[in-house]
N, C-alpha and C. Protein backbone atom coordinates (compact mmCIF):
# COMPACT_ATOMS: atom_id res chain seq x y z
N UNK A 1 -0.76 8.58 5.62
CA UNK A 1 -1.15 7.82 6.79
C UNK A 1 -0.17 6.66 6.95
N UNK A 2 0.27 6.40 8.16
CA UNK A 2 1.24 5.36 8.45
C UNK A 2 0.57 4.02 8.69
N UNK A 3 1.31 2.95 8.43
CA UNK A 3 0.80 1.60 8.58
C UNK A 3 0.34 1.34 10.02
N UNK A 4 1.14 1.72 10.99
CA UNK A 4 0.78 1.50 12.40
C UNK A 4 -0.52 2.22 12.75
N UNK A 5 -0.66 3.42 12.23
CA UNK A 5 -1.87 4.20 12.50
C UNK A 5 -3.10 3.51 11.92
N UNK A 6 -2.99 3.02 10.70
CA UNK A 6 -4.10 2.34 10.05
C UNK A 6 -4.48 1.08 10.81
N UNK A 7 -3.48 0.25 11.13
CA UNK A 7 -3.77 -0.99 11.84
C UNK A 7 -4.29 -0.73 13.24
N UNK A 8 -3.81 0.34 13.89
CA UNK A 8 -4.31 0.70 15.21
C UNK A 8 -5.78 1.09 15.18
N UNK A 9 -6.16 1.87 14.18
CA UNK A 9 -7.56 2.27 14.03
C UNK A 9 -8.44 1.06 13.75
N UNK A 10 -7.93 0.16 12.91
CA UNK A 10 -8.69 -1.05 12.61
C UNK A 10 -8.87 -1.90 13.86
N UNK A 11 -7.82 -2.04 14.64
CA UNK A 11 -7.87 -2.82 15.89
C UNK A 11 -8.84 -2.21 16.89
N UNK A 12 -9.04 -0.90 16.81
CA UNK A 12 -9.97 -0.20 17.71
C UNK A 12 -11.43 -0.40 17.31
N UNK A 13 -11.65 -1.04 16.18
CA UNK A 13 -13.01 -1.30 15.73
C UNK A 13 -13.53 -0.34 14.69
N UNK A 14 -12.72 0.63 14.28
CA UNK A 14 -13.14 1.55 13.22
C UNK A 14 -13.24 0.81 11.90
N UNK A 15 -14.18 1.20 11.07
CA UNK A 15 -14.35 0.56 9.76
C UNK A 15 -13.98 1.48 8.60
N UNK A 16 -13.92 2.78 8.88
CA UNK A 16 -13.60 3.72 7.80
C UNK A 16 -12.81 4.88 8.38
N UNK A 17 -11.87 5.37 7.58
CA UNK A 17 -11.07 6.52 8.00
C UNK A 17 -10.67 7.32 6.79
N UNK A 18 -11.32 8.44 6.58
CA UNK A 18 -10.95 9.33 5.48
C UNK A 18 -11.00 8.66 4.13
N UNK A 19 -9.84 8.43 3.54
CA UNK A 19 -9.75 7.92 2.18
C UNK A 19 -9.94 6.40 2.05
N UNK A 20 -9.76 5.67 3.15
CA UNK A 20 -9.73 4.22 3.02
C UNK A 20 -10.79 3.53 3.87
N UNK A 21 -11.16 2.32 3.44
CA UNK A 21 -12.06 1.47 4.19
C UNK A 21 -11.21 0.52 5.01
N UNK A 22 -11.21 0.70 6.32
CA UNK A 22 -10.35 -0.08 7.19
C UNK A 22 -10.70 -1.56 7.16
N UNK A 23 -11.94 -1.89 6.81
CA UNK A 23 -12.35 -3.29 6.72
C UNK A 23 -11.62 -4.05 5.62
N UNK A 24 -11.04 -3.33 4.66
CA UNK A 24 -10.30 -3.97 3.57
C UNK A 24 -8.81 -4.10 3.88
N UNK A 25 -8.40 -3.64 5.07
CA UNK A 25 -7.00 -3.67 5.45
C UNK A 25 -6.65 -4.92 6.23
N UNK A 26 -5.44 -5.39 6.03
CA UNK A 26 -4.92 -6.51 6.79
C UNK A 26 -3.41 -6.40 6.84
N UNK A 27 -2.79 -7.31 7.53
CA UNK A 27 -1.33 -7.29 7.64
C UNK A 27 -0.80 -8.68 7.34
N UNK A 28 0.29 -8.74 6.60
CA UNK A 28 0.95 -10.00 6.30
C UNK A 28 2.45 -9.77 6.39
N UNK A 29 3.08 -10.39 7.36
CA UNK A 29 4.53 -10.29 7.56
C UNK A 29 4.99 -8.84 7.68
N UNK A 30 4.23 -8.02 8.39
CA UNK A 30 4.60 -6.64 8.62
C UNK A 30 4.27 -5.68 7.49
N UNK A 31 3.61 -6.18 6.44
CA UNK A 31 3.25 -5.36 5.29
C UNK A 31 1.74 -5.15 5.32
N UNK A 32 1.32 -3.93 5.09
CA UNK A 32 -0.11 -3.61 5.06
C UNK A 32 -0.67 -4.02 3.71
N UNK A 33 -1.74 -4.80 3.75
CA UNK A 33 -2.42 -5.25 2.55
C UNK A 33 -3.78 -4.53 2.50
N UNK A 34 -4.09 -3.90 1.39
CA UNK A 34 -5.36 -3.20 1.22
C UNK A 34 -6.09 -3.79 0.02
N UNK A 35 -7.20 -4.43 0.26
CA UNK A 35 -8.01 -5.04 -0.80
C UNK A 35 -7.17 -5.97 -1.67
N UNK A 36 -6.28 -6.75 -1.02
CA UNK A 36 -5.46 -7.73 -1.73
C UNK A 36 -4.17 -7.18 -2.33
N UNK A 37 -3.93 -5.89 -2.18
CA UNK A 37 -2.73 -5.27 -2.75
C UNK A 37 -1.85 -4.68 -1.65
N UNK A 38 -0.56 -4.59 -1.91
CA UNK A 38 0.37 -3.99 -0.95
C UNK A 38 0.14 -2.49 -0.91
N UNK A 39 -0.01 -1.94 0.30
CA UNK A 39 -0.23 -0.51 0.51
C UNK A 39 1.10 0.23 0.42
N UNK A 40 1.20 1.21 -0.44
CA UNK A 40 2.37 2.09 -0.53
C UNK A 40 1.90 3.45 -0.04
N UNK A 41 2.43 3.87 1.11
CA UNK A 41 1.96 5.13 1.70
C UNK A 41 2.32 6.32 0.82
N UNK A 42 1.82 7.47 1.19
CA UNK A 42 2.00 8.68 0.40
C UNK A 42 3.45 9.15 0.42
N UNK A 43 4.28 8.50 -0.38
CA UNK A 43 5.68 8.85 -0.51
C UNK A 43 5.98 8.85 -2.01
N UNK A 44 5.96 10.02 -2.61
CA UNK A 44 6.12 10.11 -4.06
C UNK A 44 7.40 9.49 -4.57
N UNK A 45 8.49 9.64 -3.83
CA UNK A 45 9.76 9.06 -4.27
C UNK A 45 9.69 7.55 -4.32
N UNK A 46 9.12 6.94 -3.29
CA UNK A 46 8.98 5.48 -3.26
C UNK A 46 8.05 5.00 -4.36
N UNK A 47 6.93 5.68 -4.54
CA UNK A 47 5.98 5.29 -5.58
C UNK A 47 6.62 5.38 -6.96
N UNK A 48 7.37 6.42 -7.22
CA UNK A 48 8.04 6.59 -8.51
C UNK A 48 9.11 5.52 -8.72
N UNK A 49 9.86 5.20 -7.68
CA UNK A 49 10.88 4.17 -7.77
C UNK A 49 10.25 2.82 -8.13
N UNK A 50 9.16 2.47 -7.48
CA UNK A 50 8.48 1.21 -7.78
C UNK A 50 7.93 1.21 -9.20
N UNK A 51 7.32 2.30 -9.60
CA UNK A 51 6.77 2.41 -10.96
C UNK A 51 7.87 2.26 -12.00
N UNK A 52 8.97 2.97 -11.84
CA UNK A 52 10.08 2.87 -12.80
C UNK A 52 10.66 1.46 -12.83
N UNK A 53 10.81 0.86 -11.66
CA UNK A 53 11.39 -0.48 -11.58
C UNK A 53 10.56 -1.49 -12.35
N UNK A 54 9.25 -1.41 -12.23
CA UNK A 54 8.38 -2.38 -12.90
C UNK A 54 8.05 -1.99 -14.33
N UNK A 55 7.99 -0.71 -14.63
CA UNK A 55 7.69 -0.26 -15.98
C UNK A 55 8.85 -0.51 -16.92
N UNK A 56 10.07 -0.34 -16.43
CA UNK A 56 11.25 -0.47 -17.27
C UNK A 56 11.75 -1.90 -17.40
N UNK A 57 11.13 -2.84 -16.72
CA UNK A 57 11.57 -4.23 -16.80
C UNK A 57 11.33 -4.77 -18.20
N UNK A 58 12.23 -5.59 -18.68
CA UNK A 58 12.07 -6.17 -20.01
C UNK A 58 10.80 -7.03 -20.10
N UNK A 59 10.44 -7.65 -19.00
CA UNK A 59 9.24 -8.48 -18.99
C UNK A 59 7.99 -7.63 -19.21
N UNK A 60 8.05 -6.34 -18.89
CA UNK A 60 6.91 -5.44 -19.10
C UNK A 60 6.85 -4.94 -20.54
N UNK A 61 7.87 -5.26 -21.33
CA UNK A 61 7.88 -4.81 -22.71
C UNK A 61 8.41 -3.41 -22.90
N UNK A 62 9.03 -2.84 -21.86
CA UNK A 62 9.58 -1.50 -21.92
C UNK A 62 11.03 -1.52 -21.46
N UNK A 63 11.95 -1.96 -22.30
CA UNK A 63 13.35 -2.05 -21.87
C UNK A 63 14.04 -0.69 -21.84
N UNK A 64 13.88 0.04 -20.76
CA UNK A 64 14.59 1.29 -20.60
C UNK A 64 13.77 2.51 -20.72
């Protein structure tokens, strides 16, 4: 589901759509926020890139 689609449904007054509760959605500086967290749409490559980036950080205790 795309960010514009989610925000459009929320603006139309919908409160729920399939997997998500639209009442928990908001926007901050063009980024979709869901229940206080940044929404990462269903893009496995992007999700894996973010996971690797944060998992492999030395601050996470996993250097490499």
